[in-house]
Amino acid sequence: FTQVLTQALLYIFSFSLSFAIFNLLPIYPLDGFRLIDSFIKKKTSFYYNYKKYGIYVLYALFFLSIISDFTNLYYLDVLGNIIGLGVGVISTPITWFWGLIF
């Protein structure tokens, strides 16, 4: 039972971390764009175009992820690779520290 509970908590941790990293991507409708927006003083035309068409960039990344799943061209899955790298980098010290406690 303990092994099942540990595995379930690890999956929940991984999903939560994936959603957090996805939300911090600097694409307009996500919070990462708002974070960068708070630091930008001068708004250029690139900024306004990126804000206007940012949702389409996100749709394109979703579309590439779906295409990569059906065609087995995993290098097209830009969104999945970025999130996977972020989860790997962030989760390693957290799980190491968790292993020290429990």
Protein backbone atom coordinates (compact mmCIF):
# COMPACT_ATOMS: atom_id res chain seq x y z
CA PHE A 1 0.00 0.00 0.00
CA THR A 2 2.84 2.41 0.79
CA GLN A 3 4.40 1.89 -2.60
CA VAL A 4 1.09 2.63 -4.35
CA LEU A 5 0.63 5.79 -2.27
CA THR A 6 4.19 6.93 -3.00
CA GLN A 7 3.70 6.34 -6.72
CA ALA A 8 0.38 8.22 -6.72
CA LEU A 9 1.94 11.18 -4.89
CA LEU A 10 4.83 11.19 -7.37
CA TYR A 11 2.39 11.36 -10.30
CA ILE A 12 0.43 14.17 -8.65
CA PHE A 13 3.69 16.03 -7.99
CA SER A 14 4.80 15.56 -11.60
CA PHE A 15 1.46 16.77 -13.03
CA SER A 16 1.39 19.80 -10.74
CA LEU A 17 4.94 20.72 -11.68
CA SER A 18 4.13 20.29 -15.38
CA PHE A 19 1.14 22.64 -15.11
CA ALA A 20 3.21 25.20 -13.20
CA ILE A 21 5.97 25.18 -15.81
CA PHE A 22 3.42 25.36 -18.63
CA ASN A 23 1.78 28.36 -16.98
CA LEU A 24 5.13 30.16 -16.73
CA LEU A 25 5.81 29.99 -20.47
CA PRO A 26 6.10 33.53 -21.86
CA ILE A 27 3.16 33.26 -24.26
CA TYR A 28 0.38 35.86 -23.97
CA PRO A 29 -2.58 34.16 -22.33
CA LEU A 30 -0.32 32.49 -19.76
CA ASP A 31 1.13 34.00 -16.58
CA GLY A 32 4.71 33.91 -17.89
CA PHE A 33 3.85 36.68 -20.33
CA ARG A 34 2.39 38.78 -17.54
CA LEU A 35 5.56 38.25 -15.52
CA ILE A 36 7.71 39.50 -18.39
CA ASP A 37 5.17 42.26 -19.09
CA SER A 38 5.70 43.66 -15.61
CA PHE A 39 9.43 44.12 -16.29
CA ILE A 40 9.12 45.69 -19.75
CA LYS A 41 9.14 49.47 -19.62
CA LYS A 42 8.98 50.33 -23.32
CA LYS A 43 6.27 48.55 -25.30
CA THR A 44 7.29 48.06 -28.94
CA SER A 45 5.30 46.91 -31.94
CA PHE A 46 6.71 43.40 -31.42
CA TYR A 47 5.19 43.40 -27.96
CA TYR A 48 1.73 44.37 -29.21
CA ASN A 49 1.86 41.89 -32.11
CA TYR A 50 3.02 39.13 -29.80
CA LYS A 51 0.22 39.95 -27.40
CA LYS A 52 -2.28 39.96 -30.25
CA TYR A 53 -1.11 36.71 -31.86
CA GLY A 54 0.25 34.88 -28.80
CA ILE A 55 -2.73 32.57 -28.58
CA TYR A 56 -1.99 31.38 -32.12
CA VAL A 57 1.58 30.56 -31.10
CA LEU A 58 0.14 28.47 -28.30
CA TYR A 59 -2.25 26.73 -30.72
CA ALA A 60 0.67 25.99 -33.05
CA LEU A 61 2.65 24.44 -30.19
CA PHE A 62 -0.36 22.27 -29.26
CA PHE A 63 -0.79 21.28 -32.90
CA LEU A 64 2.89 20.32 -33.21
CA SER A 65 2.56 18.19 -30.06
CA ILE A 66 -0.41 16.33 -31.53
CA ILE A 67 1.34 15.85 -34.88
CA SER A 68 4.46 14.52 -33.17
CA ASP A 69 2.40 11.92 -31.30
CA PHE A 70 0.79 10.59 -34.48
CA THR A 71 3.92 10.62 -36.64
CA ASN A 72 6.50 9.57 -34.02
CA LEU A 73 8.57 12.66 -34.86
CA TYR A 74 9.24 13.56 -31.25
CA TYR A 75 11.54 16.45 -32.07
CA LEU A 76 8.43 18.36 -33.22
CA ASP A 77 7.03 18.28 -29.69
CA VAL A 78 8.58 21.59 -28.65
CA LEU A 79 6.07 22.19 -25.87
CA GLY A 80 6.52 18.71 -24.40
CA ASN A 81 10.30 18.93 -24.58
CA ILE A 82 10.37 22.29 -22.80
CA ILE A 83 8.00 21.12 -20.07
CA GLY A 84 9.84 17.80 -19.71
CA LEU A 85 13.18 19.57 -19.35
CA GLY A 86 11.75 21.98 -16.78
CA VAL A 87 10.16 19.18 -14.76
CA GLY A 88 13.40 17.21 -14.83
CA VAL A 89 15.50 20.14 -13.68
CA ILE A 90 13.13 21.26 -10.94
CA SER A 91 11.97 17.87 -9.68
CA THR A 92 15.43 16.35 -9.20
CA PRO A 93 16.48 18.41 -6.15
CA ILE A 94 12.95 18.31 -4.71
CA THR A 95 12.71 14.52 -4.89
CA TRP A 96 16.26 14.21 -3.54
CA PHE A 97 15.34 16.38 -0.57
CA TRP A 98 12.08 14.44 -0.15
CA GLY A 99 14.11 11.22 -0.05
CA LEU A 100 16.24 12.63 2.76
CA ILE A 101 13.16 13.39 4.86
CA PHE A 102 11.21 10.20 4.24
